C-alpha atoms as a PDB file:
ATOM      1  CA  MET A   1       2.768 -11.182   4.245  1.00  0.00           C
ATOM      2  CA  LYS A   2      -0.348 -12.013   6.143  1.00  0.00           C
ATOM      3  CA  ALA A   3      -3.617 -10.774   4.740  1.00  0.00           C
ATOM      4  CA  GLN A   4      -6.186  -9.230   7.160  1.00  0.00           C
ATOM      5  CA  PRO A   5      -9.769  -9.746   6.170  1.00  0.00           C
ATOM      6  CA  THR A   6     -11.809  -6.543   6.302  1.00  0.00           C
ATOM      7  CA  ARG A   7     -15.113  -5.131   5.042  1.00  0.00           C
ATOM      8  CA  ILE A   8     -15.693  -1.929   3.174  1.00  0.00           C
ATOM      9  CA  VAL A   9     -17.750   0.737   4.998  1.00  0.00           C
ATOM     10  CA  ALA A  10     -17.277   3.676   2.633  1.00  0.00           C
ATOM     11  CA  ILE A  11     -15.883   4.517  -0.775  1.00  0.00           C
ATOM     12  CA  GLU A  12     -14.685   7.907  -1.943  1.00  0.00           C
ATOM     13  CA  GLY A  13     -12.963   7.928  -5.335  1.00  0.00           C
ATOM     14  CA  ASN A  14     -10.078   5.497  -5.148  1.00  0.00           C
ATOM     15  CA  ARG A  15      -9.957   5.435  -1.330  1.00  0.00           C
ATOM     16  CA  LEU A  16     -11.665   2.739   0.617  1.00  0.00           C
ATOM     17  CA  THR A  17     -12.535   2.980   4.299  1.00  0.00           C
ATOM     18  CA  VAL A  18     -12.377  -0.453   5.763  1.00  0.00           C
ATOM     19  CA  ALA A  19     -13.438  -1.861   9.123  1.00  0.00           C
ATOM     20  CA  VAL A  20     -10.795  -4.149  10.734  1.00  0.00           C
ATOM     21  CA  ASP A  21     -11.847  -6.321  13.620  1.00  0.00           C
ATOM     22  CA  ALA A  22      -9.191  -6.949  16.299  1.00  0.00           C
ATOM     23  CA  PRO A  23      -7.782 -10.407  16.026  1.00  0.00           C
ATOM     24  CA  ALA A  24      -8.907 -12.994  18.584  1.00  0.00           C
ATOM     25  CA  ALA A  25      -5.350 -13.139  20.057  1.00  0.00           C
ATOM     26  CA  CYS A  26      -5.578  -9.490  21.006  1.00  0.00           C
ATOM     27  CA  GLY A  27      -8.047 -10.241  23.839  1.00  0.00           C
ATOM     28  CA  GLY A  28      -5.393 -12.027  25.922  1.00  0.00           C
ATOM     29  CA  CYS A  29      -2.566  -9.687  25.096  1.00  0.00           C
ATOM     30  CA  ARG A  30      -0.979  -7.760  28.104  1.00  0.00           C
ATOM     31  CA  SER A  31      -0.316  -4.776  25.779  1.00  0.00           C
ATOM     32  CA  LYS A  32      -3.860  -4.327  24.540  1.00  0.00           C
ATOM     33  CA  SER A  33      -4.408  -1.092  26.314  1.00  0.00           C
ATOM     34  CA  ALA A  34      -1.166   0.372  24.780  1.00  0.00           C
ATOM     35  CA  CYS A  35      -1.814  -0.541  21.128  1.00  0.00           C
ATOM     36  CA  GLY A  36      -5.603   0.137  21.205  1.00  0.00           C
ATOM     37  CA  THR A  37      -6.659  -3.077  19.204  1.00  0.00           C
ATOM     38  CA  GLY A  38      -7.360  -5.345  22.107  1.00  0.00           C
ATOM     39  CA  ASP A  39     -10.562  -3.717  23.249  1.00  0.00           C
ATOM     40  CA  GLY A  40     -12.573  -5.821  20.876  1.00  0.00           C
ATOM     41  CA  SER A  41     -13.819  -2.899  18.790  1.00  0.00           C
ATOM     42  CA  THR A  42     -13.666  -2.447  15.070  1.00  0.00           C
ATOM     43  CA  HIS A  43     -11.042   0.028  13.838  1.00  0.00           C
ATOM     44  CA  ARG A  44     -11.439   1.941  10.604  1.00  0.00           C
ATOM     45  CA  ILE A  45      -8.596   2.764   8.274  1.00  0.00           C
ATOM     46  CA  GLU A  46      -8.368   4.348   4.780  1.00  0.00           C
ATOM     47  CA  VAL A  47      -6.738   2.320   2.011  1.00  0.00           C
ATOM     48  CA  ALA A  48      -5.989   3.386  -1.584  1.00  0.00           C
ATOM     49  CA  ALA A  49      -7.269   0.824  -4.090  1.00  0.00           C
ATOM     50  CA  ASP A  50      -7.205   0.941  -7.937  1.00  0.00           C
ATOM     51  CA  LEU A  51     -10.136  -1.517  -8.020  1.00  0.00           C
ATOM     52  CA  ALA A  52     -12.353   0.752  -5.926  1.00  0.00           C
ATOM     53  CA  ARG A  53     -14.613   1.212  -8.989  1.00  0.00           C
ATOM     54  CA  ARG A  54     -15.590  -2.453  -8.953  1.00  0.00           C
ATOM     55  CA  LEU A  55     -16.259  -2.764  -5.226  1.00  0.00           C
ATOM     56  CA  ARG A  56     -19.251  -1.688  -3.155  1.00  0.00           C
ATOM     57  CA  THR A  57     -19.947  -0.961   0.453  1.00  0.00           C
ATOM     58  CA  GLY A  58     -20.264  -4.197   2.381  1.00  0.00           C
ATOM     59  CA  ASP A  59     -17.879  -6.098   0.111  1.00  0.00           C
ATOM     60  CA  GLN A  60     -15.169  -8.102   1.845  1.00  0.00           C
ATOM     61  CA  VAL A  61     -11.532  -7.449   0.907  1.00  0.00           C
ATOM     62  CA  SER A  62      -8.180  -8.377   2.372  1.00  0.00           C
ATOM     63  CA  ILE A  63      -5.507  -5.909   3.149  1.00  0.00           C
ATOM     64  CA  MET A  64      -1.935  -6.444   3.902  1.00  0.00           C
ATOM     65  CA  VAL A  65       1.488  -4.777   4.609  1.00  0.00           C
ATOM     66  CA  ASP A  66       4.813  -6.371   3.499  1.00  0.00           C
ATOM     67  CA  ASP A  67       6.421  -8.040   6.466  1.00  0.00           C
ATOM     68  CA  GLY A  68       9.976  -7.078   5.428  1.00  0.00           C
ATOM     69  CA  THR A  69       9.017  -3.367   5.251  1.00  0.00           C
ATOM     70  CA  MET A  70       7.173  -3.609   8.592  1.00  0.00           C
ATOM     71  CA  MET A  71      10.255  -5.161  10.282  1.00  0.00           C
ATOM     72  CA  ARG A  72      12.561  -2.463   8.797  1.00  0.00           C
ATOM     73  CA  ALA A  73      10.149   0.203  10.131  1.00  0.00           C
ATOM     74  CA  VAL A  74      10.112  -1.389  13.629  1.00  0.00           C
ATOM     75  CA  ALA A  75      13.892  -1.678  13.680  1.00  0.00           C
ATOM     76  CA  ALA A  76      14.309   1.904  12.534  1.00  0.00           C
ATOM     77  CA  ALA A  77      11.789   3.149  15.151  1.00  0.00           C
ATOM     78  CA  TYR A  78      13.499   1.335  18.022  1.00  0.00           C
ATOM     79  CA  LEU A  79      17.189   0.717  17.029  1.00  0.00           C
ATOM     80  CA  LEU A  80      18.088   4.102  15.547  1.00  0.00           C
ATOM     81  CA  PRO A  81      17.249   6.087  18.694  1.00  0.00           C
ATOM     82  CA  LEU A  82      18.878   3.460  20.918  1.00  0.00           C
ATOM     83  CA  GLY A  83      21.977   3.382  18.718  1.00  0.00           C
ATOM     84  CA  GLY A  84      22.165   7.134  18.794  1.00  0.00           C
ATOM     85  CA  LEU A  85      21.906   7.090  22.557  1.00  0.00           C
ATOM     86  CA  LEU A  86      24.586   4.471  23.027  1.00  0.00           C
ATOM     87  CA  ALA A  87      26.831   6.267  20.470  1.00  0.00           C
ATOM     88  CA  GLY A  88      26.453   9.627  22.202  1.00  0.00           C
ATOM     89  CA  ILE A  89      27.197   8.063  25.497  1.00  0.00           C
ATOM     90  CA  ALA A  90      30.251   6.297  24.183  1.00  0.00           C
ATOM     91  CA  ALA A  91      31.526   9.421  22.508  1.00  0.00           C
ATOM     92  CA  GLY A  92      31.176  11.521  25.605  1.00  0.00           C
ATOM     93  CA  SER A  93      32.910   8.791  27.704  1.00  0.00           C
ATOM     94  CA  ALA A  94      35.710   8.398  25.166  1.00  0.00           C
ATOM     95  CA  LEU A  95      36.382  12.150  25.329  1.00  0.00           C
ATOM     96  CA  VAL A  96      36.559  11.818  29.135  1.00  0.00           C
ATOM     97  CA  LEU A  97      33.881  14.488  29.653  1.00  0.00           C
ATOM     98  CA  PRO A  98      32.117  15.131  32.993  1.00  0.00           C
ATOM     99  CA  ASP A  99      29.011  13.034  33.654  1.00  0.00           C
ATOM    100  CA  ILE A 100      26.597  15.858  32.854  1.00  0.00           C
ATOM    101  CA  ALA A 101      28.265  16.298  29.425  1.00  0.00           C
ATOM    102  CA  VAL A 102      28.065  12.454  28.818  1.00  0.00           C
ATOM    103  CA  VAL A 103      24.367  12.713  29.482  1.00  0.00           C
ATOM    104  CA  LEU A 104      24.009  15.635  27.073  1.00  0.00           C
ATOM    105  CA  CYS A 105      25.880  13.682  24.421  1.00  0.00           C
ATOM    106  CA  GLY A 106      23.651  10.715  24.975  1.00  0.00           C
ATOM    107  CA  SER A 107      20.566  12.957  24.771  1.00  0.00           C
ATOM    108  CA  SER A 108      21.720  14.502  21.520  1.00  0.00           C
ATOM    109  CA  GLY A 109      22.409  10.968  20.161  1.00  0.00           C
ATOM    110  CA  LEU A 110      18.949   9.859  21.076  1.00  0.00           C
ATOM    111  CA  PHE A 111      17.442  12.950  19.500  1.00  0.00           C
ATOM    112  CA  SER A 112      19.482  12.425  16.349  1.00  0.00           C
ATOM    113  CA  GLY A 113      18.426   8.708  16.147  1.00  0.00           C
ATOM    114  CA  HIS A 114      14.757   9.675  16.631  1.00  0.00           C
ATOM    115  CA  LEU A 115      15.061  12.331  13.813  1.00  0.00           C
ATOM    116  CA  GLY A 116      16.691   9.657  11.605  1.00  0.00           C
ATOM    117  CA  SER A 117      13.817   7.290  12.252  1.00  0.00           C
ATOM    118  CA  ARG A 118      11.188   9.926  11.471  1.00  0.00           C
ATOM    119  CA  LEU A 119      13.032  10.729   8.145  1.00  0.00           C
ATOM    120  CA  LEU A 120      13.068   7.005   7.275  1.00  0.00           C
ATOM    121  CA  ALA A 121       9.308   6.674   8.144  1.00  0.00           C
ATOM    122  CA  ARG A 122       8.601   9.562   5.873  1.00  0.00           C
ATOM    123  CA  HIS A 123      10.702   7.954   3.108  1.00  0.00           C
ATOM    124  CA  TRP A 124       8.937   4.548   3.627  1.00  0.00           C
ATOM    125  CA  ARG A 125       5.447   6.131   3.921  1.00  0.00           C
ATOM    126  CA  THR A 126       3.923   4.660   0.672  1.00  0.00           C
ATOM    127  CA  GLN A 127       5.489   1.208   1.502  1.00  0.00           C
ATOM    128  CA  LEU A 128       3.952   1.172   4.955  1.00  0.00           C
ATOM    129  CA  GLN A 129       0.420   1.837   3.690  1.00  0.00           C
ATOM    130  CA  PRO A 130      -1.845  -1.255   3.650  1.00  0.00           C
ATOM    131  CA  GLN A 131      -2.587  -2.471   0.184  1.00  0.00           C
ATOM    132  CA  VAL A 132      -5.795  -4.271  -1.003  1.00  0.00           C
ATOM    133  CA  CYS A 133      -4.603  -7.722  -2.059  1.00  0.00           C
ATOM    134  CA  GLN A 134      -7.888  -9.289  -3.126  1.00  0.00           C
ATOM    135  CA  GLY A 135     -11.553  -8.437  -3.572  1.00  0.00           C
ATOM    136  CA  GLY A 136     -14.286 -10.571  -2.307  1.00  0.00           C
ATOM    137  CA  GLY A 137     -18.036 -10.864  -2.558  1.00  0.00           C
ATOM    138  CA  THR A 138     -20.720  -9.009  -0.632  1.00  0.00           C
ATOM    139  CA  ALA A 139     -20.792 -10.016   3.076  1.00  0.00           C
END
């Protein structure tokens, strides 16, 4: 788990809105336009925190997401649809179906894998939320 330093910009109840600066490495990434973090801007996210009562706007906190959970989510997002696609194509080929039917089998497998990854993401929703791991002083 890697902690990302942030600063609090708003507090509502037990929800913190924190400003996350793009890491320095994002400036040289070739995928920066796709992920939206490499433009050098500050991004705001909401985080639930039990210690919100003790914090004030401008305080520095660190947030993090468990690496294992993040890797499982990435694997589910990419590997389940790919596995469904390949399984559908293999099933259609094993049944010696015409090419268009094999394509349809692959498409249905891809859709099934995508649906499975969405269900897993919904199941892991609370684990994928960033958590406040430490409080700091005023910036």
